Amino acid sequence: DLAMEQAAAFAAGYLVFKDICNDASYADTLLDNAKQLWEFAIAHQGKYSSSVTAASGYYQSFNVTDENCWGSLWLYKVTGEQKYLDEAKKWYDPAPDWGMSWDDVIIGNQILMYNLTGDAQYLPPIEGTFKEWLPGGSVPYTPKGLAFR
């Protein structure tokens, strides 16, 4: 999961360095590394906290599914290569998200999948997540109005 998170970060960084910083050379380096990390992550599925046991007590990873979708979507965004979208669809979770965090990028996947495909089937999961988080949903609020789990 950590390799796929890094692949996503490198792919997003590619866009920044290509489009904003005008550094095509570094952008290409980031993209090459993103692709290599993606291949590694697909070939070697696992949670980082299973191998970095010192982290598992504080930052345990609970699955790889959302990270696999996340990295695949970012690589699809920057390359347009169908294999990345196909892989993202394998791991896509349409359930309302508990909340975005270091270990949970489901809502990010839902939004990115909808933005990249424009397919209406991906809109209800986004709405479902926000219905849970907005007042009246299942997420409790503090007396001052902060959504808090």
C-alpha atoms as a PDB file:
ATOM      1  CA  ASP A   1       0.000   0.000   0.000  1.00  0.00           C
ATOM      2  CA  LEU A   2       2.858   2.400   0.710  1.00  0.00           C
ATOM      3  CA  ALA A   3       4.398   1.856  -2.734  1.00  0.00           C
ATOM      4  CA  MET A   4       1.051   2.619  -4.369  1.00  0.00           C
ATOM      5  CA  GLU A   5       0.621   5.764  -2.258  1.00  0.00           C
ATOM      6  CA  GLN A   6       4.048   6.889  -3.438  1.00  0.00           C
ATOM      7  CA  ALA A   7       3.171   6.071  -7.051  1.00  0.00           C
ATOM      8  CA  ALA A   8       0.115   8.318  -6.704  1.00  0.00           C
ATOM      9  CA  ALA A   9       2.208  11.108  -5.172  1.00  0.00           C
ATOM     10  CA  PHE A  10       4.801  10.892  -7.944  1.00  0.00           C
ATOM     11  CA  ALA A  11       2.063  10.948 -10.598  1.00  0.00           C
ATOM     12  CA  ALA A  12       0.498  14.038  -9.016  1.00  0.00           C
ATOM     13  CA  GLY A  13       3.962  15.580  -8.726  1.00  0.00           C
ATOM     14  CA  TYR A  14       4.444  14.937 -12.434  1.00  0.00           C
ATOM     15  CA  LEU A  15       1.519  17.274 -13.164  1.00  0.00           C
ATOM     16  CA  VAL A  16       2.941  19.996 -10.922  1.00  0.00           C
ATOM     17  CA  PHE A  17       6.427  19.896 -12.397  1.00  0.00           C
ATOM     18  CA  LYS A  18       5.180  19.565 -15.980  1.00  0.00           C
ATOM     19  CA  ASP A  19       2.411  22.176 -15.931  1.00  0.00           C
ATOM     20  CA  ILE A  20       3.322  24.647 -13.174  1.00  0.00           C
ATOM     21  CA  CYS A  21       7.085  24.479 -12.693  1.00  0.00           C
ATOM     22  CA  ASN A  22       7.845  23.939 -16.393  1.00  0.00           C
ATOM     23  CA  ASP A  23      10.420  21.285 -15.533  1.00  0.00           C
ATOM     24  CA  ALA A  24       9.646  18.527 -18.029  1.00  0.00           C
ATOM     25  CA  SER A  25      12.803  16.599 -17.221  1.00  0.00           C
ATOM     26  CA  TYR A  26      11.998  16.235 -13.523  1.00  0.00           C
ATOM     27  CA  ALA A  27       8.342  15.592 -14.345  1.00  0.00           C
ATOM     28  CA  ASP A  28       9.400  12.692 -16.575  1.00  0.00           C
ATOM     29  CA  THR A  29      11.601  11.305 -13.785  1.00  0.00           C
ATOM     30  CA  LEU A  30       8.633  11.388 -11.403  1.00  0.00           C
ATOM     31  CA  LEU A  31       6.395   9.682 -13.948  1.00  0.00           C
ATOM     32  CA  ASP A  32       8.952   6.955 -14.668  1.00  0.00           C
ATOM     33  CA  ASN A  33       9.290   6.287 -10.942  1.00  0.00           C
ATOM     34  CA  ALA A  34       5.506   6.321 -10.485  1.00  0.00           C
ATOM     35  CA  LYS A  35       5.139   3.651 -13.164  1.00  0.00           C
ATOM     36  CA  GLN A  36       7.884   1.507 -11.604  1.00  0.00           C
ATOM     37  CA  LEU A  37       6.337   1.775  -8.149  1.00  0.00           C
ATOM     38  CA  TRP A  38       2.915   0.922  -9.569  1.00  0.00           C
ATOM     39  CA  GLU A  39       4.304  -2.231 -11.186  1.00  0.00           C
ATOM     40  CA  PHE A  40       6.039  -3.158  -7.913  1.00  0.00           C
ATOM     41  CA  ALA A  41       2.875  -2.567  -5.870  1.00  0.00           C
ATOM     42  CA  ILE A  42       0.723  -4.666  -8.194  1.00  0.00           C
ATOM     43  CA  ALA A  43       3.267  -7.504  -8.160  1.00  0.00           C
ATOM     44  CA  HIS A  44       3.877  -7.387  -4.389  1.00  0.00           C
ATOM     45  CA  GLN A  45       0.565  -6.817  -2.625  1.00  0.00           C
ATOM     46  CA  GLY A  46       0.785  -6.114   1.079  1.00  0.00           C
ATOM     47  CA  LYS A  47       0.372  -3.668   3.901  1.00  0.00           C
ATOM     48  CA  TYR A  48       3.433  -1.687   4.922  1.00  0.00           C
ATOM     49  CA  SER A  49       2.589  -2.192   8.602  1.00  0.00           C
ATOM     50  CA  SER A  50       3.070  -5.942   8.141  1.00  0.00           C
ATOM     51  CA  SER A  51       6.727  -5.371   7.294  1.00  0.00           C
ATOM     52  CA  VAL A  52       7.419  -2.220   9.328  1.00  0.00           C
ATOM     53  CA  THR A  53       6.118  -3.700  12.562  1.00  0.00           C
ATOM     54  CA  ALA A  54       7.255  -0.752  14.673  1.00  0.00           C
ATOM     55  CA  ALA A  55       4.649   1.365  12.881  1.00  0.00           C
ATOM     56  CA  SER A  56       1.786  -1.067  13.301  1.00  0.00           C
ATOM     57  CA  GLY A  57       1.032  -0.032  16.866  1.00  0.00           C
ATOM     58  CA  TYR A  58       0.336   3.563  15.832  1.00  0.00           C
ATOM     59  CA  TYR A  59      -0.223   3.669  12.074  1.00  0.00           C
ATOM     60  CA  GLN A  60      -1.521   0.271  11.138  1.00  0.00           C
ATOM     61  CA  SER A  61      -2.699  -0.201   7.595  1.00  0.00           C
ATOM     62  CA  PHE A  62      -5.967  -2.072   7.307  1.00  0.00           C
ATOM     63  CA  ASN A  63      -6.040  -2.956   3.594  1.00  0.00           C
ATOM     64  CA  VAL A  64      -4.510  -2.216   0.196  1.00  0.00           C
ATOM     65  CA  THR A  65      -7.660  -1.834  -1.854  1.00  0.00           C
ATOM     66  CA  ASP A  66      -8.092   1.928  -1.687  1.00  0.00           C
ATOM     67  CA  GLU A  67      -4.386   2.584  -2.274  1.00  0.00           C
ATOM     68  CA  ASN A  68      -4.398   0.290  -5.321  1.00  0.00           C
ATOM     69  CA  CYS A  69      -7.318   2.220  -6.756  1.00  0.00           C
ATOM     70  CA  TRP A  70      -5.731   5.585  -5.821  1.00  0.00           C
ATOM     71  CA  GLY A  71      -2.372   4.942  -7.460  1.00  0.00           C
ATOM     72  CA  SER A  72      -4.033   3.473 -10.538  1.00  0.00           C
ATOM     73  CA  LEU A  73      -6.352   6.463 -10.927  1.00  0.00           C
ATOM     74  CA  TRP A  74      -3.521   8.982 -10.664  1.00  0.00           C
ATOM     75  CA  LEU A  75      -1.502   7.110 -13.266  1.00  0.00           C
ATOM     76  CA  TYR A  76      -4.541   6.955 -15.527  1.00  0.00           C
ATOM     77  CA  LYS A  77      -4.994  10.705 -15.067  1.00  0.00           C
ATOM     78  CA  VAL A  78      -1.475  11.499 -16.226  1.00  0.00           C
ATOM     79  CA  THR A  79      -1.013   8.815 -18.910  1.00  0.00           C
ATOM     80  CA  GLY A  80      -4.492   8.022 -20.211  1.00  0.00           C
ATOM     81  CA  GLU A  81      -3.413   4.369 -20.412  1.00  0.00           C
ATOM     82  CA  GLN A  82      -6.431   2.078 -20.106  1.00  0.00           C
ATOM     83  CA  LYS A  83      -4.596  -0.530 -18.002  1.00  0.00           C
ATOM     84  CA  TYR A  84      -4.524   1.906 -15.087  1.00  0.00           C
ATOM     85  CA  LEU A  85      -8.251   2.614 -15.274  1.00  0.00           C
ATOM     86  CA  ASP A  86      -9.001  -1.105 -15.576  1.00  0.00           C
ATOM     87  CA  GLU A  87      -6.925  -1.778 -12.451  1.00  0.00           C
ATOM     88  CA  ALA A  88      -8.586   1.079 -10.564  1.00  0.00           C
ATOM     89  CA  LYS A  89     -12.020  -0.344 -11.316  1.00  0.00           C
ATOM     90  CA  LYS A  90     -10.973  -3.701  -9.810  1.00  0.00           C
ATOM     91  CA  TRP A  91     -10.259  -2.018  -6.465  1.00  0.00           C
ATOM     92  CA  TYR A  92     -12.941   0.702  -6.468  1.00  0.00           C
ATOM     93  CA  ASP A  93     -15.166   0.836  -3.358  1.00  0.00           C
ATOM     94  CA  PRO A  94     -18.584   2.507  -3.776  1.00  0.00           C
ATOM     95  CA  ALA A  95     -19.481   2.427  -0.062  1.00  0.00           C
ATOM     96  CA  PRO A  96     -19.806   5.697   1.869  1.00  0.00           C
ATOM     97  CA  ASP A  97     -16.377   6.546   3.242  1.00  0.00           C
ATOM     98  CA  TRP A  98     -15.592   6.572   6.949  1.00  0.00           C
ATOM     99  CA  GLY A  99     -13.310   9.565   6.413  1.00  0.00           C
ATOM    100  CA  MET A 100     -10.236  10.442   4.391  1.00  0.00           C
ATOM    101  CA  SER A 101      -6.981   9.887   6.230  1.00  0.00           C
ATOM    102  CA  TRP A 102      -3.451   8.571   5.834  1.00  0.00           C
ATOM    103  CA  ASP A 103      -4.953   5.067   5.555  1.00  0.00           C
ATOM    104  CA  ASP A 104      -8.242   5.777   3.799  1.00  0.00           C
ATOM    105  CA  VAL A 105      -8.562   7.425   0.389  1.00  0.00           C
ATOM    106  CA  ILE A 106     -11.923   5.941  -0.646  1.00  0.00           C
ATOM    107  CA  ILE A 107     -13.672   9.308  -1.082  1.00  0.00           C
ATOM    108  CA  GLY A 108     -10.692  10.551  -3.076  1.00  0.00           C
ATOM    109  CA  ASN A 109     -11.077   7.516  -5.332  1.00  0.00           C
ATOM    110  CA  GLN A 110     -14.786   8.148  -5.718  1.00  0.00           C
ATOM    111  CA  ILE A 111     -14.269  11.779  -6.724  1.00  0.00           C
ATOM    112  CA  LEU A 112     -11.320  11.067  -9.005  1.00  0.00           C
ATOM    113  CA  MET A 113     -13.111   8.137 -10.696  1.00  0.00           C
ATOM    114  CA  TYR A 114     -16.138  10.318 -11.410  1.00  0.00           C
ATOM    115  CA  ASN A 115     -14.001  13.237 -12.626  1.00  0.00           C
ATOM    116  CA  LEU A 116     -11.902  11.040 -14.904  1.00  0.00           C
ATOM    117  CA  THR A 117     -14.723   9.001 -16.406  1.00  0.00           C
ATOM    118  CA  GLY A 118     -17.740  11.305 -16.207  1.00  0.00           C
ATOM    119  CA  ASP A 119     -19.750   8.121 -15.664  1.00  0.00           C
ATOM    120  CA  ALA A 120     -22.918   8.837 -13.679  1.00  0.00           C
ATOM    121  CA  GLN A 121     -22.655   5.522 -11.793  1.00  0.00           C
ATOM    122  CA  TYR A 122     -19.791   7.021  -9.776  1.00  0.00           C
ATOM    123  CA  LEU A 123     -21.761  10.029  -8.521  1.00  0.00           C
ATOM    124  CA  PRO A 124     -24.068   8.314  -5.939  1.00  0.00           C
ATOM    125  CA  PRO A 125     -21.116   7.009  -3.848  1.00  0.00           C
ATOM    126  CA  ILE A 126     -19.800  10.589  -3.538  1.00  0.00           C
ATOM    127  CA  GLU A 127     -23.228  11.828  -2.538  1.00  0.00           C
ATOM    128  CA  GLY A 128     -23.533   8.949  -0.046  1.00  0.00           C
ATOM    129  CA  THR A 129     -20.270   9.895   1.653  1.00  0.00           C
ATOM    130  CA  PHE A 130     -21.235  13.535   1.939  1.00  0.00           C
ATOM    131  CA  LYS A 131     -24.722  12.672   3.233  1.00  0.00           C
ATOM    132  CA  GLU A 132     -23.002  10.773   6.047  1.00  0.00           C
ATOM    133  CA  TRP A 133     -20.713  13.725   6.844  1.00  0.00           C
ATOM    134  CA  LEU A 134     -23.116  16.651   6.518  1.00  0.00           C
ATOM    135  CA  PRO A 135     -25.431  17.610   9.419  1.00  0.00           C
ATOM    136  CA  GLY A 136     -28.151  15.009   9.766  1.00  0.00           C
ATOM    137  CA  GLY A 137     -25.872  12.176   8.650  1.00  0.00           C
ATOM    138  CA  SER A 138     -24.256   9.529  10.821  1.00  0.00           C
ATOM    139  CA  VAL A 139     -21.148  11.549  11.738  1.00  0.00           C
ATOM    140  CA  PRO A 140     -21.586  13.322  15.091  1.00  0.00           C
ATOM    141  CA  TYR A 141     -20.855  17.025  15.523  1.00  0.00           C
ATOM    142  CA  THR A 142     -19.354  18.909  18.455  1.00  0.00           C
ATOM    143  CA  PRO A 143     -21.448  21.647  20.077  1.00  0.00           C
ATOM    144  CA  LYS A 144     -19.458  24.186  18.003  1.00  0.00           C
ATOM    145  CA  GLY A 145     -20.229  22.414  14.722  1.00  0.00           C
ATOM    146  CA  LEU A 146     -17.119  20.338  14.038  1.00  0.00           C
ATOM    147  CA  ALA A 147     -17.773  16.942  12.453  1.00  0.00           C
ATOM    148  CA  PHE A 148     -15.945  14.498  14.684  1.00  0.00           C
ATOM    149  CA  ARG A 149     -15.475  10.739  14.836  1.00  0.00           C
END
